[in-house]
PDB file of N, CA and C in Angstrom:
ATOM      1  N   MET A   1      82.158  88.311 105.868  1.00  0.00           N
ATOM      2  CA  MET A   1      83.811  88.011 105.313  1.00  0.00           C
ATOM      3  C   MET A   1      83.489  89.067 103.696  1.00  0.00           C
ATOM      4  N   LEU A   2      82.509  89.242 103.797  1.00  0.00           N
ATOM      5  CA  LEU A   2      82.646  90.145 102.728  1.00  0.00           C
ATOM      6  C   LEU A   2      82.647  92.339 102.990  1.00  0.00           C
ATOM      7  N   THR A   3      81.806  92.349 104.625  1.00  0.00           N
ATOM      8  CA  THR A   3      81.733  93.322 104.953  1.00  0.00           C
ATOM      9  C   THR A   3      83.313  94.362 105.386  1.00  0.00           C
ATOM     10  N   GLU A   4      84.292  93.470 105.412  1.00  0.00           N
ATOM     11  CA  GLU A   4      85.539  93.189 105.705  1.00  0.00           C
ATOM     12  C   GLU A   4      86.731  94.492 104.862  1.00  0.00           C
ATOM     13  N   TYR A   5      85.348  93.303 103.438  1.00  0.00           N
ATOM     14  CA  TYR A   5      86.083  94.760 102.179  1.00  0.00           C
ATOM     15  C   TYR A   5      85.024  95.723 100.816  1.00  0.00           C
ATOM     16  N   LEU A   6      83.766  95.648 102.299  1.00  0.00           N
ATOM     17  CA  LEU A   6      82.552  96.749 101.442  1.00  0.00           C
ATOM     18  C   LEU A   6      83.582  98.677 101.376  1.00  0.00           C
ATOM     19  N   PRO A   7      84.397  99.081 102.242  1.00  0.00           N
ATOM     20  CA  PRO A   7      84.713 100.150 102.194  1.00  0.00           C
ATOM     21  C   PRO A   7      85.922 100.877 101.343  1.00  0.00           C
ATOM     22  N   PHE A   8      86.512  98.549 100.690  1.00  0.00           N
ATOM     23  CA  PHE A   8      87.456  98.730  99.499  1.00  0.00           C
ATOM     24  C   PHE A   8      86.706  98.995  98.147  1.00  0.00           C
ATOM     25  N   ILE A   9      85.814  97.889  98.358  1.00  0.00           N
ATOM     26  CA  ILE A   9      84.828  97.680  97.314  1.00  0.00           C
ATOM     27  C   ILE A   9      83.714  98.977  96.633  1.00  0.00           C
ATOM     28  N   LEU A  10      83.464  99.762  98.132  1.00  0.00           N
ATOM     29  CA  LEU A  10      83.072 100.889  97.823  1.00  0.00           C
ATOM     30  C   LEU A  10      83.875 101.911  97.073  1.00  0.00           C
ATOM     31  N   PHE A  11      85.440 102.058  97.721  1.00  0.00           N
ATOM     32  CA  PHE A  11      85.495 103.187  96.911  1.00  0.00           C
ATOM     33  C   PHE A  11      86.410 102.753  95.710  1.00  0.00           C
ATOM     34  N   GLY A  12      86.530 101.406  95.319  1.00  0.00           N
ATOM     35  CA  GLY A  12      87.122 101.459  93.558  1.00  0.00           C
ATOM     36  C   GLY A  12      85.744 101.815  92.770  1.00  0.00           C
ATOM     37  N   LEU A  13      84.203 101.630  93.261  1.00  0.00           N
ATOM     38  CA  LEU A  13      83.649 101.335  92.748  1.00  0.00           C
ATOM     39  C   LEU A  13      83.058 103.440  92.722  1.00  0.00           C
ATOM     40  N   LEU A  14      83.442 103.684  93.234  1.00  0.00           N
ATOM     41  CA  LEU A  14      82.976 105.477  93.324  1.00  0.00           C
ATOM     42  C   LEU A  14      84.522 105.533  92.192  1.00  0.00           C
ATOM     43  N   ALA A  15      85.893 105.411  92.341  1.00  0.00           N
ATOM     44  CA  ALA A  15      86.940 105.840  91.872  1.00  0.00           C
ATOM     45  C   ALA A  15      86.208 105.288  90.043  1.00  0.00           C
ATOM     46  N   LEU A  16      85.758 104.231  90.055  1.00  0.00           N
ATOM     47  CA  LEU A  16      84.989 104.362  88.943  1.00  0.00           C
ATOM     48  C   LEU A  16      84.331 105.345  87.800  1.00  0.00           C
ATOM     49  N   THR A  17      82.905 105.046  88.922  1.00  0.00           N
ATOM     50  CA  THR A  17      82.291 105.999  88.645  1.00  0.00           C
ATOM     51  C   THR A  17      82.564 107.385  89.108  1.00  0.00           C
ATOM     52  N   VAL A  18      83.221 108.012  89.286  1.00  0.00           N
ATOM     53  CA  VAL A  18      83.518 109.501  89.133  1.00  0.00           C
ATOM     54  C   VAL A  18      85.154 109.312  87.695  1.00  0.00           C
ATOM     55  N   GLY A  19      86.043 108.230  87.332  1.00  0.00           N
ATOM     56  CA  GLY A  19      86.510 108.638  85.570  1.00  0.00           C
ATOM     57  C   GLY A  19      85.280 108.646  84.808  1.00  0.00           C
ATOM     58  N   ILE A  20      84.296 107.343  84.365  1.00  0.00           N
ATOM     59  CA  ILE A  20      83.494 107.413  83.829  1.00  0.00           C
ATOM     60  C   ILE A  20      83.164 108.213  83.687  1.00  0.00           C
ATOM     61  N   ILE A  21      81.679 109.152  84.383  1.00  0.00           N
ATOM     62  CA  ILE A  21      81.646 110.954  84.408  1.00  0.00           C
ATOM     63  C   ILE A  21      82.193 112.034  84.263  1.00  0.00           C
ATOM     64  N   ALA A  22      83.683 111.735  84.303  1.00  0.00           N
ATOM     65  CA  ALA A  22      84.545 112.705  83.981  1.00  0.00           C
ATOM     66  C   ALA A  22      85.273 112.495  82.250  1.00  0.00           C
ATOM     67  N   LEU A  23      85.060 111.281  81.483  1.00  0.00           N
ATOM     68  CA  LEU A  23      85.154 111.275  80.498  1.00  0.00           C
ATOM     69  C   LEU A  23      84.062 111.500  79.911  1.00  0.00           C
ATOM     70  N   ALA A  24      83.079 110.960  80.149  1.00  0.00           N
ATOM     71  CA  ALA A  24      81.122 111.453  79.653  1.00  0.00           C
ATOM     72  C   ALA A  24      81.591 112.598  79.573  1.00  0.00           C
ATOM     73  N   PHE A  25      81.483 113.667  80.909  1.00  0.00           N
ATOM     74  CA  PHE A  25      81.085 114.742  80.429  1.00  0.00           C
ATOM     75  C   PHE A  25      82.934 116.012  79.283  1.00  0.00           C
ATOM     76  N   SER A  26      83.986 115.541  79.676  1.00  0.00           N
ATOM     77  CA  SER A  26      85.176 116.377  78.918  1.00  0.00           C
ATOM     78  C   SER A  26      84.914 115.884  77.103  1.00  0.00           C
ATOM     79  N   SER A  27      84.035 114.345  77.036  1.00  0.00           N
ATOM     80  CA  SER A  27      83.387 114.415  75.792  1.00  0.00           C
ATOM     81  C   SER A  27      82.322 114.815  75.264  1.00  0.00           C
ATOM     82  N   TRP A  28      80.675 115.223  75.804  1.00  0.00           N
ATOM     83  CA  TRP A  28      79.790 116.069  75.947  1.00  0.00           C
ATOM     84  C   TRP A  28      80.100 117.418  75.761  1.00  0.00           C
ATOM     85  N   MET A  29      80.819 118.060  76.774  1.00  0.00           N
ATOM     86  CA  MET A  29      81.470 119.066  76.479  1.00  0.00           C
ATOM     87  C   MET A  29      82.473 119.559  75.350  1.00  0.00           C
ATOM     88  N   GLY A  30      83.724 118.750  75.380  1.00  0.00           N
ATOM     89  CA  GLY A  30      84.506 118.816  74.085  1.00  0.00           C
ATOM     90  C   GLY A  30      84.250 119.673  72.524  1.00  0.00           C
ATOM     91  N   PRO A  31      85.307 119.782  71.745  1.00  0.00           N
ATOM     92  CA  PRO A  31      84.840 120.131  70.620  1.00  0.00           C
ATOM     93  C   PRO A  31      84.449 119.075  69.698  1.00  0.00           C
ATOM     94  N   LYS A  32      83.571 119.813  69.158  1.00  0.00           N
ATOM     95  CA  LYS A  32      83.144 118.305  68.467  1.00  0.00           C
ATOM     96  C   LYS A  32      83.737 118.344  66.380  1.00  0.00           C
ATOM     97  N   LYS A  33      84.637 118.859  66.601  1.00  0.00           N
ATOM     98  CA  LYS A  33      85.531 119.042  64.991  1.00  0.00           C
ATOM     99  C   LYS A  33      86.891 119.662  65.029  1.00  0.00           C
ATOM    100  N   MET A  34      87.861 119.228  64.733  1.00  0.00           N
ATOM    101  CA  MET A  34      88.938 119.580  64.637  1.00  0.00           C
ATOM    102  C   MET A  34      88.449 121.004  63.625  1.00  0.00           C
ATOM    103  N   GLU A  35      89.296 121.705  64.190  1.00  0.00           N
ATOM    104  CA  GLU A  35      90.169 123.691  63.889  1.00  0.00           C
ATOM    105  C   GLU A  35      90.903 123.463  62.780  1.00  0.00           C
ATOM    106  N   SER A  36      91.888 123.112  62.947  1.00  0.00           N
ATOM    107  CA  SER A  36      92.151 123.275  61.431  1.00  0.00           C
ATOM    108  C   SER A  36      94.339 121.779  61.615  1.00  0.00           C
ATOM    109  N   ASP A  37      94.253 121.402  60.433  1.00  0.00           N
ATOM    110  CA  ASP A  37      95.667 120.584  59.954  1.00  0.00           C
ATOM    111  C   ASP A  37      96.686 121.830  61.197  1.00  0.00           C
ATOM    112  N   ASN A  38      96.999 123.383  60.918  1.00  0.00           N
ATOM    113  CA  ASN A  38      98.119 123.932  61.113  1.00  0.00           C
ATOM    114  C   ASN A  38      97.959 124.405  62.605  1.00  0.00           C
ATOM    115  N   LYS A  39      96.474 123.477  63.566  1.00  0.00           N
ATOM    116  CA  LYS A  39      96.298 123.426  64.768  1.00  0.00           C
ATOM    117  C   LYS A  39      97.821 121.935  65.038  1.00  0.00           C
ATOM    118  N   PHE A  40      97.793 121.246  65.216  1.00  0.00           N
ATOM    119  CA  PHE A  40      98.983 120.244  65.353  1.00  0.00           C
ATOM    120  C   PHE A  40      99.502 120.336  64.803  1.00  0.00           C
ATOM    121  N   GLU A  41     100.357 121.206  64.686  1.00  0.00           N
ATOM    122  CA  GLU A  41     101.733 121.559  63.984  1.00  0.00           C
ATOM    123  C   GLU A  41     102.043 121.615  65.606  1.00  0.00           C
ATOM    124  N   PRO A  42     104.028 121.199  65.663  1.00  0.00           N
ATOM    125  CA  PRO A  42     104.905 121.662  66.175  1.00  0.00           C
ATOM    126  C   PRO A  42     104.783 122.166  66.739  1.00  0.00           C
ATOM    127  N   TYR A  43     104.832 123.536  66.227  1.00  0.00           N
ATOM    128  CA  TYR A  43     105.278 125.110  65.878  1.00  0.00           C
ATOM    129  C   TYR A  43     104.449 126.175  65.682  1.00  0.00           C
ATOM    130  N   GLU A  44     103.466 126.988  66.342  1.00  0.00           N
ATOM    131  CA  GLU A  44     101.993 127.255  65.857  1.00  0.00           C
ATOM    132  C   GLU A  44     102.855 128.958  65.269  1.00  0.00           C
ATOM    133  N   CYS A  45     103.857 129.295  65.045  1.00  0.00           N
ATOM    134  CA  CYS A  45     104.846 130.566  65.033  1.00  0.00           C
ATOM    135  C   CYS A  45     104.503 131.085  63.697  1.00  0.00           C
ATOM    136  N   GLY A  46     103.840 130.795  62.227  1.00  0.00           N
ATOM    137  CA  GLY A  46     103.634 131.134  61.234  1.00  0.00           C
ATOM    138  C   GLY A  46     104.779 131.090  60.186  1.00  0.00           C
ATOM    139  N   MET A  47     106.119 130.065  60.714  1.00  0.00           N
ATOM    140  CA  MET A  47     106.740 129.955  59.794  1.00  0.00           C
ATOM    141  C   MET A  47     107.302 128.042  59.543  1.00  0.00           C
ATOM    142  N   ASP A  48     107.343 127.926  58.338  1.00  0.00           N
ATOM    143  CA  ASP A  48     107.242 126.148  58.116  1.00  0.00           C
ATOM    144  C   ASP A  48     108.828 125.388  58.858  1.00  0.00           C
ATOM    145  N   GLN A  49     108.526 124.901  59.138  1.00  0.00           N
ATOM    146  CA  GLN A  49     109.595 123.690  60.215  1.00  0.00           C
ATOM    147  C   GLN A  49     110.801 124.053  59.449  1.00  0.00           C
ATOM    148  N   MET A  50     112.093 123.837  59.221  1.00  0.00           N
ATOM    149  CA  MET A  50     113.551 123.831  59.148  1.00  0.00           C
ATOM    150  C   MET A  50     113.704 122.745  59.231  1.00  0.00           C
ATOM    151  N   ASP A  51     113.132 121.900  60.794  1.00  0.00           N
ATOM    152  CA  ASP A  51     113.948 120.357  60.314  1.00  0.00           C
ATOM    153  C   ASP A  51     112.915 119.744  61.647  1.00  0.00           C
ATOM    154  N   SER A  52     113.206 118.286  61.218  1.00  0.00           N
ATOM    155  CA  SER A  52     112.370 117.350  62.029  1.00  0.00           C
ATOM    156  C   SER A  52     112.550 117.365  63.903  1.00  0.00           C
ATOM    157  N   PRO A  53     111.397 117.476  64.638  1.00  0.00           N
ATOM    158  CA  PRO A  53     111.609 117.063  66.070  1.00  0.00           C
ATOM    159  C   PRO A  53     112.019 115.935  66.789  1.00  0.00           C
ATOM    160  N   HIS A  54     112.474 114.748  65.742  1.00  0.00           N
ATOM    161  CA  HIS A  54     112.151 114.034  66.370  1.00  0.00           C
ATOM    162  C   HIS A  54     114.156 113.541  65.952  1.00  0.00           C
ATOM    163  N   LYS A  55     114.453 113.780  66.523  1.00  0.00           N
ATOM    164  CA  LYS A  55     116.157 113.781  66.704  1.00  0.00           C
ATOM    165  C   LYS A  55     116.849 112.572  67.381  1.00  0.00           C
ATOM    166  N   PRO A  56     117.664 111.831  67.000  1.00  0.00           N
ATOM    167  CA  PRO A  56     118.092 110.332  67.434  1.00  0.00           C
ATOM    168  C   PRO A  56     118.718 111.320  69.303  1.00  0.00           C
ATOM    169  N   PHE A  57     118.558 110.077  69.842  1.00  0.00           N
ATOM    170  CA  PHE A  57     119.448 111.066  71.635  1.00  0.00           C
ATOM    171  C   PHE A  57     120.502 110.006  72.093  1.00  0.00           C
ATOM    172  N   ALA A  58     121.690 109.975  71.980  1.00  0.00           N
ATOM    173  CA  ALA A  58     121.987 109.232  72.273  1.00  0.00           C
ATOM    174  C   ALA A  58     121.588 108.311  73.450  1.00  0.00           C
ATOM    175  N   LEU A  59     122.391 106.661  73.986  1.00  0.00           N
ATOM    176  CA  LEU A  59     121.828 106.213  74.083  1.00  0.00           C
ATOM    177  C   LEU A  59     122.420 106.327  76.065  1.00  0.00           C
ATOM    178  N   LYS A  60     123.492 106.482  76.069  1.00  0.00           N
ATOM    179  CA  LYS A  60     124.550 106.620  77.116  1.00  0.00           C
ATOM    180  C   LYS A  60     123.947 107.611  78.255  1.00  0.00           C
ATOM    181  N   PHE A  61     122.883 108.544  77.514  1.00  0.00           N
ATOM    182  CA  PHE A  61     122.449 109.449  78.296  1.00  0.00           C
ATOM    183  C   PHE A  61     121.115 108.717  79.511  1.00  0.00           C
ATOM    184  N   TYR A  62     120.755 107.692  79.204  1.00  0.00           N
ATOM    185  CA  TYR A  62     119.909 107.025  79.606  1.00  0.00           C
ATOM    186  C   TYR A  62     120.318 105.909  80.167  1.00  0.00           C
ATOM    187  N   THR A  63     121.412 105.469  79.906  1.00  0.00           N
ATOM    188  CA  THR A  63     122.087 104.772  81.217  1.00  0.00           C
ATOM    189  C   THR A  63     122.784 105.022  82.129  1.00  0.00           C
ATOM    190  N   PHE A  64     123.488 106.747  82.040  1.00  0.00           N
ATOM    191  CA  PHE A  64     123.994 107.548  83.620  1.00  0.00           C
ATOM    192  C   PHE A  64     122.725 107.746  83.926  1.00  0.00           C
ATOM    193  N   ALA A  65     121.535 107.861  83.659  1.00  0.00           N
ATOM    194  CA  ALA A  65     120.182 108.705  84.825  1.00  0.00           C
ATOM    195  C   ALA A  65     119.940 107.169  85.464  1.00  0.00           C
ATOM    196  N   LEU A  66     120.259 105.649  84.031  1.00  0.00           N
ATOM    197  CA  LEU A  66     119.846 105.238  85.700  1.00  0.00           C
ATOM    198  C   LEU A  66     120.940 104.840  85.846  1.00  0.00           C
ATOM    199  N   LEU A  67     122.352 104.075  86.515  1.00  0.00           N
ATOM    200  CA  LEU A  67     123.097 104.696  87.447  1.00  0.00           C
ATOM    201  C   LEU A  67     122.643 105.269  88.015  1.00  0.00           C
ATOM    202  N   PHE A  68     122.543 106.941  87.502  1.00  0.00           N
ATOM    203  CA  PHE A  68     122.570 107.850  88.892  1.00  0.00           C
ATOM    204  C   PHE A  68     121.006 107.325  89.850  1.00  0.00           C
ATOM    205  N   ILE A  69     120.129 107.028  89.632  1.00  0.00           N
ATOM    206  CA  ILE A  69     119.542 106.516  89.908  1.00  0.00           C
ATOM    207  C   ILE A  69     119.340 105.412  90.907  1.00  0.00           C
ATOM    208  N   LEU A  70     119.808 104.353  90.502  1.00  0.00           N
ATOM    209  CA  LEU A  70     119.973 103.502  90.963  1.00  0.00           C
ATOM    210  C   LEU A  70     120.981 103.202  92.345  1.00  0.00           C
ATOM    211  N   PHE A  71     122.269 104.726  92.329  1.00  0.00           N
ATOM    212  CA  PHE A  71     122.848 104.600  93.265  1.00  0.00           C
ATOM    213  C   PHE A  71     122.265 106.499  93.866  1.00  0.00           C
ATOM    214  N   ASP A  72     121.293 106.481  94.042  1.00  0.00           N
ATOM    215  CA  ASP A  72     120.363 107.904  94.248  1.00  0.00           C
ATOM    216  C   ASP A  72     119.812 106.868  95.515  1.00  0.00           C
ATOM    217  N   ILE A  73     119.453 105.268  95.531  1.00  0.00           N
ATOM    218  CA  ILE A  73     117.696 104.588  96.198  1.00  0.00           C
ATOM    219  C   ILE A  73     118.803 104.155  97.135  1.00  0.00           C
ATOM    220  N   GLU A  74     120.567 103.815  96.668  1.00  0.00           N
ATOM    221  CA  GLU A  74     121.410 103.708  97.836  1.00  0.00           C
ATOM    222  C   GLU A  74     120.564 104.276  98.602  1.00  0.00           C
ATOM    223  N   THR A  75     121.675 105.868  98.556  1.00  0.00           N
ATOM    224  CA  THR A  75     121.423 106.570 100.041  1.00  0.00           C
ATOM    225  C   THR A  75     120.151 106.322 100.689  1.00  0.00           C
ATOM    226  N   VAL A  76     119.057 106.436  99.679  1.00  0.00           N
ATOM    227  CA  VAL A  76     117.664 105.862 100.593  1.00  0.00           C
ATOM    228  C   VAL A  76     117.518 104.729 101.813  1.00  0.00           C
ATOM    229  N   PHE A  77     118.558 104.042 101.422  1.00  0.00           N
ATOM    230  CA  PHE A  77     118.378 102.987 102.461  1.00  0.00           C
ATOM    231  C   PHE A  77     120.446 103.138 103.474  1.00  0.00           C
ATOM    232  N   LEU A  78     120.637 103.799 103.213  1.00  0.00           N
ATOM    233  CA  LEU A  78     122.431 103.706 103.577  1.00  0.00           C
ATOM    234  C   LEU A  78     122.036 105.164 104.977  1.00  0.00           C
ATOM    235  N   ILE A  79     121.068 105.733 104.512  1.00  0.00           N
ATOM    236  CA  ILE A  79     120.817 107.376 105.393  1.00  0.00           C
ATOM    237  C   ILE A  79     120.410 106.501 106.775  1.00  0.00           C
ATOM    238  N   PRO A  80     118.968 105.929 106.875  1.00  0.00           N
ATOM    239  CA  PRO A  80     118.464 106.045 107.712  1.00  0.00           C
ATOM    240  C   PRO A  80     119.312 104.495 108.595  1.00  0.00           C
ATOM    241  N   TRP A  81     120.039 103.961 108.140  1.00  0.00           N
ATOM    242  CA  TRP A  81     120.459 102.766 108.932  1.00  0.00           C
ATOM    243  C   TRP A  81     121.680 103.311 109.414  1.00  0.00           C
ATOM    244  N   ALA A  82     122.281 104.906 108.918  1.00  0.00           N
ATOM    245  CA  ALA A  82     123.193 105.366 109.735  1.00  0.00           C
ATOM    246  C   ALA A  82     122.966 105.917 110.656  1.00  0.00           C
ATOM    247  N   PHE A  83     121.838 106.817 110.231  1.00  0.00           N
ATOM    248  CA  PHE A  83     121.477 107.310 111.976  1.00  0.00           C
ATOM    249  C   PHE A  83     120.853 106.435 112.893  1.00  0.00           C
ATOM    250  N   GLY A  84     120.468 105.387 112.479  1.00  0.00           N
ATOM    251  CA  GLY A  84     119.539 104.195 113.499  1.00  0.00           C
ATOM    252  C   GLY A  84     120.620 103.429 114.218  1.00  0.00           C
ATOM    253  N   TYR A  85     122.229 103.797 113.759  1.00  0.00           N
ATOM    254  CA  TYR A  85     123.526 103.139 113.850  1.00  0.00           C
ATOM    255  C   TYR A  85     123.617 102.604 115.092  1.00  0.00           C
ATOM    256  N   ARG A  86     123.613 102.799 116.370  1.00  0.00           N
ATOM    257  CA  ARG A  86     123.683 103.223 117.844  1.00  0.00           C
ATOM    258  C   ARG A  86     122.844 101.881 118.806  1.00  0.00           C
ATOM    259  N   ASN A  87     121.767 102.469 118.020  1.00  0.00           N
ATOM    260  CA  ASN A  87     120.036 101.845 118.642  1.00  0.00           C
ATOM    261  C   ASN A  87     119.761 100.714 118.151  1.00  0.00           C
ATOM    262  N   PHE A  88     120.241 100.174 117.190  1.00  0.00           N
ATOM    263  CA  PHE A  88     119.989  98.716 116.647  1.00  0.00           C
ATOM    264  C   PHE A  88     121.041  98.555 116.160  1.00  0.00           C
ATOM    265  N   LEU A  89     122.631  98.406 117.387  1.00  0.00           N
ATOM    266  CA  LEU A  89     124.062  97.756 116.673  1.00  0.00           C
ATOM    267  C   LEU A  89     124.044  95.793 117.423  1.00  0.00           C
ATOM    268  N   GLY A  90     123.514  95.435 115.996  1.00  0.00           N
ATOM    269  CA  GLY A  90     123.184  94.166 115.869  1.00  0.00           C
ATOM    270  C   GLY A  90     124.015  93.160 115.749  1.00  0.00           C
ATOM    271  N   THR A  91     124.266  91.705 115.004  1.00  0.00           N
ATOM    272  CA  THR A  91     124.622  91.005 114.202  1.00  0.00           C
ATOM    273  C   THR A  91     124.191  90.727 113.025  1.00  0.00           C
ATOM    274  N   GLY A  92     122.824  90.745 113.092  1.00  0.00           N
ATOM    275  CA  GLY A  92     122.282  90.598 111.604  1.00  0.00           C
ATOM    276  C   GLY A  92     122.623  92.127 110.934  1.00  0.00           C
ATOM    277  N   THR A  93     121.967  93.607 111.825  1.00  0.00           N
ATOM    278  CA  THR A  93     121.950  94.260 110.968  1.00  0.00           C
ATOM    279  C   THR A  93     123.261  95.213 110.435  1.00  0.00           C
ATOM    280  N   ILE A  94     124.205  94.512 111.435  1.00  0.00           N
ATOM    281  CA  ILE A  94     125.962  94.397 110.706  1.00  0.00           C
ATOM    282  C   ILE A  94     125.865  93.539 108.832  1.00  0.00           C
ATOM    283  N   VAL A  95     125.622  92.235 109.454  1.00  0.00           N
ATOM    284  CA  VAL A  95     125.774  91.582 108.609  1.00  0.00           C
ATOM    285  C   VAL A  95     124.758  91.765 107.330  1.00  0.00           C
ATOM    286  N   SER A  96     123.131  92.341 107.318  1.00  0.00           N
ATOM    287  CA  SER A  96     122.882  92.463 106.525  1.00  0.00           C
ATOM    288  C   SER A  96     123.260  93.550 105.125  1.00  0.00           C
ATOM    289  N   MET A  97     123.922  94.934 106.040  1.00  0.00           N
ATOM    290  CA  MET A  97     124.260  95.995 105.745  1.00  0.00           C
ATOM    291  C   MET A  97     125.133  95.371 104.820  1.00  0.00           C
ATOM    292  N   LEU A  98     126.388  94.397 105.508  1.00  0.00           N
ATOM    293  CA  LEU A  98     127.430  94.478 105.117  1.00  0.00           C
ATOM    294  C   LEU A  98     127.522  93.515 103.190  1.00  0.00           C
ATOM    295  N   VAL A  99     126.072  92.741 103.854  1.00  0.00           N
ATOM    296  CA  VAL A  99     125.952  92.248 102.291  1.00  0.00           C
ATOM    297  C   VAL A  99     125.080  92.963 101.053  1.00  0.00           C
ATOM    298  N   PHE A 100     124.907  93.916 101.753  1.00  0.00           N
ATOM    299  CA  PHE A 100     123.822  94.746 101.154  1.00  0.00           C
ATOM    300  C   PHE A 100     124.673  95.879 100.121  1.00  0.00           C
ATOM    301  N   MET A 101     125.602  95.883 100.526  1.00  0.00           N
ATOM    302  CA  MET A 101     127.063  96.998 100.601  1.00  0.00           C
ATOM    303  C   MET A 101     127.891  95.888  99.302  1.00  0.00           C
ATOM    304  N   GLY A 102     127.877  95.012 100.315  1.00  0.00           N
ATOM    305  CA  GLY A 102     128.186  94.270  98.574  1.00  0.00           C
ATOM    306  C   GLY A 102     127.872  93.895  97.574  1.00  0.00           C
ATOM    307  N   VAL A 103     126.399  94.006  97.398  1.00  0.00           N
ATOM    308  CA  VAL A 103     126.347  93.835  96.325  1.00  0.00           C
ATOM    309  C   VAL A 103     126.533  94.910  95.064  1.00  0.00           C
ATOM    310  N   LEU A 104     126.680  96.219  96.254  1.00  0.00           N
ATOM    311  CA  LEU A 104     126.730  97.872  95.124  1.00  0.00           C
ATOM    312  C   LEU A 104     127.500  97.761  95.134  1.00  0.00           C
ATOM    313  N   GLY A 105     128.798  96.938  95.335  1.00  0.00           N
ATOM    314  CA  GLY A 105     130.107  97.189  95.312  1.00  0.00           C
ATOM    315  C   GLY A 105     130.405  96.115  93.975  1.00  0.00           C
ATOM    316  N   PHE A 106     129.848  95.318  94.023  1.00  0.00           N
ATOM    317  CA  PHE A 106     130.337  94.838  93.398  1.00  0.00           C
ATOM    318  C   PHE A 106     129.429  94.865  91.572  1.00  0.00           C
ATOM    319  N   GLY A 107     127.869  95.924  91.916  1.00  0.00           N
ATOM    320  CA  GLY A 107     127.565  96.629  90.885  1.00  0.00           C
ATOM    321  C   GLY A 107     128.356  97.177  90.114  1.00  0.00           C
ATOM    322  N   LEU A 108     129.159  98.151  91.133  1.00  0.00           N
ATOM    323  CA  LEU A 108     130.300  99.594  90.897  1.00  0.00           C
ATOM    324  C   LEU A 108     131.034  98.485  89.747  1.00  0.00           C
ATOM    325  N   PHE A 109     131.959  97.968  91.074  1.00  0.00           N
ATOM    326  CA  PHE A 109     132.685  97.274  90.039  1.00  0.00           C
ATOM    327  C   PHE A 109     132.564  96.461  88.348  1.00  0.00           C
ATOM    328  N   TYR A 110     131.534  96.481  88.375  1.00  0.00           N
ATOM    329  CA  TYR A 110     130.724  95.897  87.185  1.00  0.00           C
ATOM    330  C   TYR A 110     131.190  97.323  86.201  1.00  0.00           C
ATOM    331  N   ILE A 111     129.866  97.710  86.716  1.00  0.00           N
ATOM    332  CA  ILE A 111     129.776  99.439  85.396  1.00  0.00           C
ATOM    333  C   ILE A 111     131.686  99.810  85.392  1.00  0.00           C
ATOM    334  N   ILE A 112     132.268  99.846  85.934  1.00  0.00           N
ATOM    335  CA  ILE A 112     133.741 100.352  85.762  1.00  0.00           C
ATOM    336  C   ILE A 112     134.654  99.607  85.160  1.00  0.00           C
ATOM    337  N   LYS A 113     134.053  97.889  85.164  1.00  0.00           N
ATOM    338  CA  LYS A 113     135.255  97.011  84.445  1.00  0.00           C
ATOM    339  C   LYS A 113     134.601  97.985  82.938  1.00  0.00           C
ATOM    340  N   THR A 114     133.380  97.433  82.966  1.00  0.00           N
ATOM    341  CA  THR A 114     132.778  97.572  82.018  1.00  0.00           C
ATOM    342  C   THR A 114     132.287  99.614  80.832  1.00  0.00           C
ATOM    343  N   ARG A 115     133.003  99.539  81.903  1.00  0.00           N
ATOM    344  CA  ARG A 115     132.621 101.408  81.225  1.00  0.00           C
ATOM    345  C   ARG A 115     132.027 102.002  80.874  1.00  0.00           C
ATOM    346  N   ALA A 116     130.629 102.149  81.669  1.00  0.00           N
ATOM    347  CA  ALA A 116     129.542 102.565  81.365  1.00  0.00           C
ATOM    348  C   ALA A 116     129.498 103.511  81.799  1.00  0.00           C
ATOM    349  N   LEU A 117     130.143 103.916  82.344  1.00  0.00           N
ATOM    350  CA  LEU A 117     130.403 105.611  82.298  1.00  0.00           C
ATOM    351  C   LEU A 117     131.132 106.388  81.441  1.00  0.00           C
ATOM    352  N   GLU A 118     131.859 106.166  80.702  1.00  0.00           N
ATOM    353  CA  GLU A 118     132.645 106.665  79.749  1.00  0.00           C
ATOM    354  C   GLU A 118     132.163 107.029  78.180  1.00  0.00           C
ATOM    355  N   TRP A 119     132.446 107.922  77.806  1.00  0.00           N
ATOM    356  CA  TRP A 119     130.971 108.884  76.735  1.00  0.00           C
ATOM    357  C   TRP A 119     131.651 108.658  75.898  1.00  0.00           C
ATOM    358  N   GLU A 120     132.791 108.462  75.899  1.00  0.00           N
ATOM    359  CA  GLU A 120     133.836 108.342  74.255  1.00  0.00           C
ATOM    360  C   GLU A 120     133.464 106.222  73.995  1.00  0.00           C
TER     361      GLU A 120
END
């Protein structure tokens, strides 16, 4: 039974060994002391910083991006079904796709009803 999992165990040990060796090599060859505090400033142009680089970011951009990803992944599932529609035209596939489209339609209705895509 152990012989079935031997390649996976060996690969895991190899990955762990390579990771440990890489960390040890980088700490051995890397810099030992800090150069200066100016090196870690956000801008190294010789001028003092005028404004904070950490400005507030509007949540509407995150919401819009999340909804875009959600409905973009929908096409990943719809396109193969549309191309193979004639090959596997069965009752189960049509029903499952209608359920899938119903859930997505309900999600779109909810997004429109809560006005998630409005900017103001």
